[in-house]
Amino acid sequence: MAETVQSFSMRQFEDDLEQKQAIKRVLVVDDSRAQRRILSSSLKRWGYEVLEAESGNTALEICKAEPLDLIISDWMMPGMNGLEFCLAFRELERDSYGYFILLTSKSEKDEVAHGLDVGADDFLTKPVNASELRARIRAGERIQKMERELTEKNRIVSNALAEIQCLYDTIDRDLIEAKKLQQSLVKETYRNLGAAEISLLLRPSGHVGGDLVGFFPINKNQIGLFSIDVSGHGISSAMMTARLAGFLSGGTPEQNLALTHNDNGGYSARSPAKVAEHLNHLVLKEMDTEHYFTLLLAHLDLKTGQVTATQAGHPHPAIQYPDGSVDLCGQGGLPIGLVPDATYDDFQIELSPGDRLFLMSDGITECPGKNENDMLDESGIIELLKRNSAIRGPNFLESLMWDLDAYAGNQEFPDDISAVLLEFNGPD
């Protein structure tokens, strides 16, 4: 007996819980007062709040003023019939779904299909059986419960999306500022030194990127050039480039790893290969980062045209001669920050007046073409250099970008693009 009572109590509790979460307010619409009273009596006994209307027009006005969960409406009524009322009800703006049951003596399938088309959810044949009515209402409760749960989940998702959008807007503003700061690392994009002219190109694929190019004075006869490509994209790569910019800064020569003090109180060029080895040690031993980077570091003697350079995993630099022909040089080398105790070698380039040296990131050599499997590669950059051999300075870099854009089919570049163009004019 105790188990039976406990089982009954549990079922009652579950029924009460379900009732609280489901349909509460019901509108009964019928031109027959007796029919309304019969239905209302059963509904009230089951715990529902019941409103009544004797016509479709009256019911529609109640629906406009009252929040209702369930409509039970007769089909055949004078004036606005049940189908017309259902259609008008569905056109009302509501915060939640209203379940609609039509009472009818019609049994033809076409009539039932027409009722479903205009918005009815279910049908009951008159005279109404109380048990069947209760079962149909339960079905409606399950649908409304799912609708309310879905509405609540949509509300949570909408709020979450609004918060994410707010965070995105904040990050976007920060990235715009970060882009300005990163661009400030390249204070000059062109300088005429008389004996040589230097032009720089830096185009991140996003707000900020992992490429960095620049130059710095060594002494009155020498300048340094560098091209860096940090692995990855975005904020962390950009922060790495900012750190590296300090190691090769022309504004603070005492912190520039490529310079050493000489006996005259000035600075001399340090072996680019030794600089690469030092940077490799710093990245692996002192920087807690998973990033690595490629580097092309070169020193130019403005009087002789001699270039001493090291290549650490960076694309091969190109030498273009006055006749437009192009040679690639360099020895490859390992990227910096991958292999402990990696060693690097210096190599020499002899520039004559009219020659120019082109340093580039792999965003250029690996620029994708219109077809998915196409890539510009070294042969492609040689052709672009030849095509633009008569164009000088920043105009050359601008023309190069136009050619890259055409090659890529005007699609977004997937990688940062950077370059250094050194045009050697010879000593005055």
Protein backbone atom coordinates (compact mmCIF):
# COMPACT_ATOMS: atom_id res chain seq x y z
CA MET A 1 0.00 0.00 0.00
CA ALA A 2 2.82 2.41 0.92
CA GLU A 3 4.54 1.75 -2.42
CA THR A 4 1.25 2.35 -4.23
CA VAL A 5 0.74 5.65 -2.42
CA GLN A 6 4.34 6.68 -3.10
CA SER A 7 3.99 5.76 -6.79
CA PHE A 8 0.75 7.71 -7.01
CA SER A 9 2.32 10.73 -5.31
CA MET A 10 5.26 10.67 -7.72
CA ARG A 11 2.94 10.51 -10.72
CA GLN A 12 0.90 13.36 -9.26
CA PHE A 13 4.07 15.39 -8.71
CA GLU A 14 5.19 14.79 -12.30
CA ASP A 15 1.74 15.70 -13.60
CA ASP A 16 1.74 18.90 -11.53
CA LEU A 17 5.22 19.80 -12.73
CA GLU A 18 4.28 19.24 -16.35
CA GLN A 19 1.11 21.24 -15.86
CA LYS A 20 3.03 24.20 -14.49
CA GLN A 21 5.33 24.20 -17.49
CA ALA A 22 2.64 23.80 -20.16
CA ILE A 23 -0.70 25.30 -21.22
CA LYS A 24 -2.44 27.52 -18.67
CA ARG A 25 -4.95 29.82 -20.43
CA VAL A 26 -7.52 28.41 -22.83
CA LEU A 27 -10.10 30.15 -25.00
CA VAL A 28 -13.22 28.16 -25.93
CA VAL A 29 -15.05 29.51 -29.00
CA ASP A 30 -18.50 28.18 -29.92
CA ASP A 31 -21.83 29.78 -30.78
CA SER A 32 -23.51 27.14 -28.57
CA ARG A 33 -23.53 28.23 -24.94
CA ALA A 34 -24.15 24.66 -23.79
CA GLN A 35 -21.16 23.36 -25.75
CA ARG A 36 -18.96 26.07 -24.27
CA ARG A 37 -20.07 25.19 -20.75
CA ILE A 38 -19.39 21.48 -21.25
CA LEU A 39 -15.87 22.12 -22.54
CA SER A 40 -15.14 24.82 -19.96
CA SER A 41 -16.25 22.58 -17.11
CA SER A 42 -13.82 19.84 -18.10
CA LEU A 43 -10.96 22.27 -18.68
CA LYS A 44 -11.45 23.99 -15.32
CA ARG A 45 -11.57 20.62 -13.59
CA TRP A 46 -8.18 19.83 -15.16
CA GLY A 47 -6.75 23.06 -13.75
CA TYR A 48 -6.88 25.41 -16.73
CA GLU A 49 -7.93 29.06 -16.72
CA VAL A 50 -10.75 29.31 -19.26
CA LEU A 51 -12.13 32.21 -21.30
CA GLU A 52 -15.19 31.93 -23.55
CA ALA A 53 -16.36 33.58 -26.78
CA GLU A 54 -19.60 33.05 -28.68
CA SER A 55 -18.23 34.09 -32.12
CA GLY A 56 -15.07 34.30 -34.14
CA ASN A 57 -15.08 38.11 -34.08
CA THR A 58 -15.38 38.23 -30.30
CA ALA A 59 -12.69 35.56 -29.96
CA LEU A 60 -10.33 37.55 -32.18
CA GLU A 61 -10.70 40.64 -29.99
CA ILE A 62 -9.94 38.56 -26.89
CA CYS A 63 -6.84 37.13 -28.60
CA LYS A 64 -5.61 40.65 -29.31
CA ALA A 65 -5.97 41.65 -25.65
CA GLU A 66 -5.14 38.46 -23.74
CA PRO A 67 -2.10 36.12 -23.80
CA LEU A 68 -3.57 32.70 -24.62
CA ASP A 69 -1.90 29.30 -24.83
CA LEU A 70 -4.66 27.20 -26.43
CA ILE A 71 -7.66 27.90 -28.66
CA ILE A 72 -10.51 25.37 -28.96
CA SER A 73 -12.86 26.63 -31.65
CA ASP A 74 -15.92 25.28 -33.41
CA TRP A 75 -15.62 25.14 -37.19
CA MET A 76 -19.18 26.09 -38.18
CA MET A 77 -20.24 29.42 -36.65
CA PRO A 78 -22.30 32.35 -38.01
CA GLY A 79 -20.28 35.32 -39.18
CA MET A 80 -16.59 34.51 -38.93
CA ASN A 81 -16.29 30.71 -38.99
CA GLY A 82 -13.58 28.66 -37.32
CA LEU A 83 -11.29 28.54 -40.36
CA GLU A 84 -11.48 32.31 -40.87
CA PHE A 85 -10.85 32.89 -37.18
CA CYS A 86 -7.85 30.54 -37.27
CA LEU A 87 -6.39 32.35 -40.26
CA ALA A 88 -6.85 35.75 -38.56
CA PHE A 89 -5.37 34.39 -35.31
CA ARG A 90 -2.22 33.23 -37.10
CA GLU A 91 -1.71 36.73 -38.50
CA LEU A 92 -1.56 38.27 -35.01
CA GLU A 93 1.82 39.23 -33.61
CA ARG A 94 2.53 37.03 -30.60
CA ASP A 95 5.44 36.43 -28.25
CA SER A 96 4.77 32.68 -28.11
CA TYR A 97 3.02 30.01 -30.14
CA GLY A 98 -0.72 29.46 -29.65
CA TYR A 99 -2.01 25.90 -30.16
CA PHE A 100 -5.25 25.76 -32.18
CA ILE A 101 -7.77 22.86 -32.09
CA LEU A 102 -10.77 22.89 -34.42
CA LEU A 103 -14.02 21.18 -33.43
CA THR A 104 -15.87 19.79 -36.41
CA SER A 105 -18.34 17.26 -37.62
CA LYS A 106 -16.52 17.19 -40.96
CA SER A 107 -14.59 14.05 -41.75
CA GLU A 108 -13.60 14.59 -45.37
CA LYS A 109 -9.84 14.53 -45.85
CA ASP A 110 -9.89 17.58 -48.13
CA GLU A 111 -11.63 19.63 -45.44
CA VAL A 112 -9.14 18.51 -42.81
CA ALA A 113 -6.22 19.31 -45.11
CA HIS A 114 -7.66 22.76 -45.75
CA GLY A 115 -7.88 23.35 -42.01
CA LEU A 116 -4.21 22.40 -41.56
CA ASP A 117 -3.27 24.72 -44.41
CA VAL A 118 -4.78 27.78 -42.73
CA GLY A 119 -3.01 27.08 -39.43
CA ALA A 120 -4.95 24.60 -37.32
CA ASP A 121 -2.80 22.22 -35.28
CA ASP A 122 -5.34 19.50 -34.51
CA PHE A 123 -8.97 18.42 -34.93
CA LEU A 124 -11.63 16.93 -32.71
CA THR A 125 -14.84 15.43 -33.98
CA LYS A 126 -18.06 16.48 -32.29
CA PRO A 127 -19.43 15.38 -29.93
CA VAL A 128 -16.16 15.75 -28.04
CA ASN A 129 -14.87 12.86 -26.01
CA ALA A 130 -13.29 14.14 -22.78
CA SER A 131 -10.45 11.61 -22.78
CA GLU A 132 -9.58 12.38 -26.39
CA LEU A 133 -9.71 16.12 -25.69
CA ARG A 134 -7.37 15.63 -22.74
CA ALA A 135 -4.95 13.63 -24.92
CA ARG A 136 -4.99 16.26 -27.70
CA ILE A 137 -4.30 19.02 -25.16
CA ARG A 138 -1.38 17.00 -23.78
CA ALA A 139 0.06 16.79 -27.30
CA GLY A 140 -0.27 20.55 -27.62
CA GLU A 141 1.42 21.01 -24.25
CA ARG A 142 4.43 19.01 -25.41
CA ILE A 143 4.73 21.15 -28.53
CA GLN A 144 4.42 24.37 -26.55
CA LYS A 145 6.93 23.16 -24.00
CA MET A 146 9.43 22.50 -26.79
CA GLU A 147 8.64 25.89 -28.31
CA ARG A 148 9.27 27.64 -24.99
CA GLU A 149 12.50 25.74 -24.44
CA LEU A 150 13.60 26.66 -27.95
CA THR A 151 12.66 30.30 -27.35
CA GLU A 152 14.67 30.35 -24.14
CA LYS A 153 17.65 28.74 -25.84
CA ASN A 154 17.40 31.26 -28.68
CA ARG A 155 17.34 34.05 -26.11
CA ILE A 156 20.46 32.67 -24.45
CA VAL A 157 22.17 32.29 -27.83
CA SER A 158 21.14 35.81 -28.86
CA ASN A 159 22.50 37.25 -25.63
CA ALA A 160 25.71 35.28 -26.07
CA LEU A 161 26.06 36.48 -29.67
CA ALA A 162 25.47 40.06 -28.53
CA GLU A 163 28.23 39.69 -25.93
CA ILE A 164 30.53 38.09 -28.49
CA GLN A 165 29.81 40.92 -30.92
CA CYS A 166 30.65 43.43 -28.20
CA LEU A 167 33.91 41.61 -27.50
CA TYR A 168 34.64 41.39 -31.24
CA ASP A 169 34.07 45.13 -31.64
CA THR A 170 36.45 45.79 -28.74
CA ILE A 171 39.07 43.46 -30.21
CA ASP A 172 38.58 45.00 -33.64
CA ARG A 173 39.22 48.49 -32.24
CA ASP A 174 42.31 47.18 -30.45
CA LEU A 175 43.54 45.53 -33.65
CA ILE A 176 43.11 48.77 -35.57
CA GLU A 177 45.27 50.51 -32.98
CA ALA A 178 47.73 47.59 -33.10
CA LYS A 179 47.92 47.99 -36.88
CA LYS A 180 48.84 51.65 -36.46
CA LEU A 181 51.51 50.71 -33.95
CA GLN A 182 52.92 48.00 -36.22
CA GLN A 183 52.99 50.35 -39.18
CA SER A 184 54.89 52.81 -37.02
CA LEU A 185 57.72 50.23 -36.85
CA VAL A 186 58.34 51.06 -40.52
CA LYS A 187 58.79 54.80 -40.12
CA GLU A 188 60.04 55.34 -43.69
CA THR A 189 58.99 53.42 -46.76
CA TYR A 190 61.50 55.22 -49.00
CA ARG A 191 64.86 56.86 -48.51
CA ASN A 192 67.33 58.24 -51.04
CA LEU A 193 70.89 57.90 -49.75
CA GLY A 194 72.47 59.16 -52.93
CA ALA A 195 74.57 56.08 -53.53
CA ALA A 196 71.51 53.90 -53.01
CA GLU A 197 67.74 54.14 -52.75
CA ILE A 198 65.69 51.96 -50.41
CA SER A 199 61.95 51.20 -50.80
CA LEU A 200 59.89 49.11 -48.37
CA LEU A 201 56.63 47.18 -48.76
CA LEU A 202 54.60 45.81 -45.82
CA ARG A 203 51.05 44.48 -46.36
CA PRO A 204 49.61 42.31 -43.54
CA SER A 205 46.98 39.77 -44.60
CA GLY A 206 44.85 40.84 -41.61
CA HIS A 207 44.86 43.80 -39.25
CA VAL A 208 48.35 42.88 -38.09
CA GLY A 209 50.86 40.37 -39.34
CA GLY A 210 54.14 38.62 -38.76
CA ASP A 211 56.25 40.28 -41.46
CA LEU A 212 58.70 43.07 -40.82
CA VAL A 213 61.10 44.94 -43.11
CA GLY A 214 63.45 47.80 -42.45
CA PHE A 215 66.86 49.38 -42.70
CA PHE A 216 69.25 51.06 -40.29
CA PRO A 217 72.44 53.11 -40.57
CA ILE A 218 75.67 51.43 -39.50
CA ASN A 219 78.03 54.30 -40.17
CA LYS A 220 78.45 56.91 -42.90
CA ASN A 221 79.57 54.26 -45.38
CA GLN A 222 77.32 51.31 -44.51
CA ILE A 223 73.64 50.53 -44.05
CA GLY A 224 71.82 47.42 -42.88
CA LEU A 225 68.74 45.85 -44.46
CA PHE A 226 66.48 43.14 -43.07
CA SER A 227 63.40 41.14 -44.01
CA ILE A 228 61.68 39.02 -41.34
CA ASP A 229 58.75 36.62 -41.52
CA VAL A 230 57.43 35.27 -38.21
CA SER A 231 55.49 32.00 -38.32
CA GLY A 232 51.72 32.25 -38.09
CA HIS A 233 49.53 35.32 -38.39
CA GLY A 234 47.73 37.76 -36.16
CA ILE A 235 48.38 39.24 -32.76
CA SER A 236 51.01 36.87 -31.36
CA SER A 237 53.07 37.02 -34.56
CA ALA A 238 52.79 40.82 -34.56
CA MET A 239 54.02 40.97 -30.98
CA MET A 240 57.00 38.86 -31.99
CA THR A 241 57.85 41.25 -34.82
CA ALA A 242 57.65 44.18 -32.39
CA ARG A 243 60.16 42.42 -30.15
CA LEU A 244 62.48 41.71 -33.07
CA ALA A 245 62.22 45.30 -34.32
CA GLY A 246 63.96 46.40 -31.14
CA PHE A 247 66.90 44.10 -31.89
CA LEU A 248 67.45 45.72 -35.32
CA SER A 249 66.46 49.29 -34.55
CA GLY A 250 68.18 52.22 -36.19
CA GLY A 251 66.82 54.58 -33.54
CA THR A 252 68.61 52.83 -30.67
CA PRO A 253 71.91 51.60 -32.12
CA GLU A 254 73.20 50.57 -28.69
CA GLN A 255 70.48 47.87 -28.63
CA ASN A 256 70.92 46.80 -32.26
CA LEU A 257 72.37 43.28 -32.33
CA ALA A 258 73.77 43.88 -35.82
CA LEU A 259 76.11 46.63 -34.58
CA THR A 260 79.28 46.63 -32.49
CA HIS A 261 81.19 49.55 -30.97
CA ASN A 262 84.48 50.33 -32.69
CA ASP A 263 87.61 52.03 -31.40
CA ASN A 264 86.56 55.36 -32.88
CA GLY A 265 83.46 55.57 -30.69
CA GLY A 266 81.15 54.70 -33.55
CA TYR A 267 79.64 51.48 -34.82
CA SER A 268 80.73 48.72 -37.16
CA ALA A 269 78.76 45.95 -38.78
CA ARG A 270 78.61 42.65 -37.02
CA SER A 271 78.64 39.46 -39.09
CA PRO A 272 75.01 38.85 -40.18
CA ALA A 273 75.56 35.12 -39.57
CA LYS A 274 76.59 35.81 -35.97
CA VAL A 275 73.52 38.01 -35.53
CA ALA A 276 71.32 35.13 -36.72
CA GLU A 277 73.01 32.75 -34.28
CA HIS A 278 72.49 35.22 -31.43
CA LEU A 279 68.83 35.64 -32.30
CA ASN A 280 68.41 31.86 -32.46
CA HIS A 281 69.82 31.60 -28.94
CA LEU A 282 67.53 34.37 -27.66
CA VAL A 283 64.39 32.82 -29.12
CA LEU A 284 65.09 29.32 -27.81
CA LYS A 285 66.57 30.20 -24.42
CA GLU A 286 64.95 33.45 -23.36
CA MET A 287 61.61 33.74 -25.17
CA ASP A 288 58.72 31.55 -24.09
CA THR A 289 57.17 31.21 -27.53
CA GLU A 290 56.31 28.57 -30.09
CA HIS A 291 56.97 31.00 -32.92
CA TYR A 292 60.00 30.86 -35.17
CA PHE A 293 60.95 33.18 -38.01
CA THR A 294 62.89 33.43 -41.21
CA LEU A 295 65.40 36.22 -41.79
CA LEU A 296 67.42 37.87 -44.51
CA LEU A 297 69.94 40.30 -43.00
CA ALA A 298 72.34 42.23 -45.22
CA HIS A 299 74.94 44.99 -44.87
CA LEU A 300 75.74 47.22 -47.85
CA ASP A 301 78.91 49.22 -48.36
CA LEU A 302 77.71 52.39 -50.10
CA LYS A 303 81.15 53.04 -51.64
CA THR A 304 81.93 49.63 -53.08
CA GLY A 305 78.50 48.05 -53.55
CA GLN A 306 79.61 45.00 -51.59
CA VAL A 307 76.82 43.24 -49.68
CA THR A 308 77.43 40.80 -46.84
CA ALA A 309 74.30 38.81 -46.02
CA THR A 310 72.96 35.75 -44.25
CA GLN A 311 69.86 33.75 -45.15
CA ALA A 312 67.95 31.96 -42.38
CA GLY A 313 65.15 30.05 -44.10
CA HIS A 314 64.03 33.16 -45.98
CA PRO A 315 63.31 33.17 -49.75
CA HIS A 316 66.39 33.72 -51.89
CA PRO A 317 67.15 37.38 -52.57
CA ALA A 318 67.09 38.47 -56.20
CA ILE A 319 69.65 40.61 -58.04
CA GLN A 320 68.35 42.46 -61.07
CA TYR A 321 70.79 43.92 -63.56
CA PRO A 322 70.33 46.99 -65.78
CA ASP A 323 69.35 44.81 -68.75
CA GLY A 324 66.47 43.35 -66.72
CA SER A 325 67.96 39.91 -66.19
CA VAL A 326 67.64 38.38 -62.73
CA ASP A 327 69.74 36.03 -60.59
CA LEU A 328 68.78 34.44 -57.27
CA CYS A 329 71.45 34.11 -54.61
CA GLY A 330 71.86 32.89 -51.05
CA GLN A 331 72.46 29.60 -49.29
CA GLY A 332 69.09 28.82 -47.71
CA GLY A 333 69.76 28.12 -44.04
CA LEU A 334 67.55 27.11 -41.12
CA PRO A 335 64.77 29.31 -39.74
CA ILE A 336 65.55 30.96 -36.41
CA GLY A 337 64.00 29.46 -33.30
CA LEU A 338 63.74 25.84 -34.42
CA VAL A 339 67.10 24.13 -33.88
CA PRO A 340 69.35 24.78 -30.86
CA ASP A 341 72.94 25.77 -31.67
CA ALA A 342 72.11 26.21 -35.37
CA THR A 343 74.91 27.86 -37.35
CA TYR A 344 74.62 30.28 -40.24
CA ASP A 345 76.95 31.46 -42.98
CA ASP A 346 77.62 34.81 -44.58
CA PHE A 347 77.66 35.18 -48.36
CA GLN A 348 78.80 38.04 -50.54
CA ILE A 349 77.06 39.97 -53.30
CA GLU A 350 78.82 42.50 -55.53
CA LEU A 351 76.51 45.24 -56.77
CA SER A 352 77.47 47.52 -59.63
CA PRO A 353 75.82 50.87 -60.35
CA GLY A 354 72.38 50.20 -61.86
CA ASP A 355 71.96 46.85 -60.08
CA ARG A 356 69.23 46.35 -57.57
CA LEU A 357 68.72 43.87 -54.75
CA PHE A 358 65.23 42.57 -53.94
CA LEU A 359 64.40 40.88 -50.62
CA MET A 360 60.96 39.27 -50.26
CA SER A 361 58.86 37.19 -47.88
CA ASP A 362 57.26 33.90 -48.88
CA GLY A 363 53.93 35.72 -49.08
CA ILE A 364 55.20 36.73 -52.54
CA THR A 365 56.87 33.52 -53.70
CA GLU A 366 53.98 31.40 -52.38
CA CYS A 367 51.23 33.70 -53.62
CA PRO A 368 48.37 31.44 -54.82
CA GLY A 369 47.08 31.80 -58.35
CA LYS A 370 43.55 31.76 -59.71
CA ASN A 371 43.66 27.97 -59.85
CA GLU A 372 43.87 26.22 -56.49
CA ASN A 373 47.14 24.39 -57.19
CA ASP A 374 49.00 27.33 -58.75
CA MET A 375 51.75 29.20 -56.90
CA LEU A 376 53.90 32.09 -58.12
CA ASP A 377 57.19 30.47 -57.01
CA GLU A 378 60.68 31.76 -57.84
CA SER A 379 60.22 31.53 -61.59
CA GLY A 380 57.12 33.68 -61.32
CA ILE A 381 58.82 36.41 -59.27
CA ILE A 382 61.67 36.49 -61.80
CA GLU A 383 59.13 37.13 -64.56
CA LEU A 384 57.47 39.90 -62.53
CA LEU A 385 60.85 41.53 -61.88
CA LYS A 386 61.65 41.44 -65.58
CA ARG A 387 58.24 42.83 -66.48
CA ASN A 388 58.74 45.80 -64.14
CA SER A 389 62.46 46.33 -64.68
CA ALA A 390 61.98 49.88 -65.99
CA ILE A 391 59.98 51.00 -62.94
CA ARG A 392 61.87 52.37 -59.93
CA GLY A 393 61.40 52.92 -56.22
CA PRO A 394 57.96 52.80 -54.56
CA ASN A 395 56.30 52.74 -57.98
CA PHE A 396 57.97 49.40 -58.63
CA LEU A 397 56.53 47.93 -55.41
CA GLU A 398 53.09 49.31 -56.23
CA SER A 399 53.25 47.80 -59.71
CA LEU A 400 54.38 44.51 -58.20
CA MET A 401 51.32 44.49 -55.92
CA TRP A 402 49.05 45.07 -58.92
CA ASP A 403 50.66 42.10 -60.69
CA LEU A 404 50.32 39.89 -57.60
CA ASP A 405 46.67 40.87 -57.26
CA ALA A 406 46.02 40.00 -60.91
CA TYR A 407 47.86 36.68 -60.55
CA ALA A 408 45.77 35.80 -57.48
CA GLY A 409 42.55 36.66 -59.30
CA ASN A 410 41.75 39.62 -57.03
CA GLN A 411 41.26 37.30 -54.05
CA GLU A 412 42.46 38.03 -50.53
CA PHE A 413 46.13 37.22 -49.97
CA PRO A 414 46.40 34.36 -47.44
CA ASP A 415 49.79 35.50 -46.15
CA ASP A 416 51.51 38.76 -45.26
CA ILE A 417 53.44 40.37 -48.11
CA SER A 418 56.64 42.30 -47.55
CA ALA A 419 59.68 43.31 -49.57
CA VAL A 420 62.80 45.48 -49.61
CA LEU A 421 64.05 47.02 -52.84
CA LEU A 422 67.62 48.34 -52.80
CA GLU A 423 68.68 50.24 -55.93
CA PHE A 424 72.44 50.84 -56.07
CA ASN A 425 73.42 53.98 -57.90
CA GLY A 426 77.11 53.93 -56.98
CA PRO A 427 79.14 56.54 -55.08
CA ASP A 428 78.80 60.17 -56.15
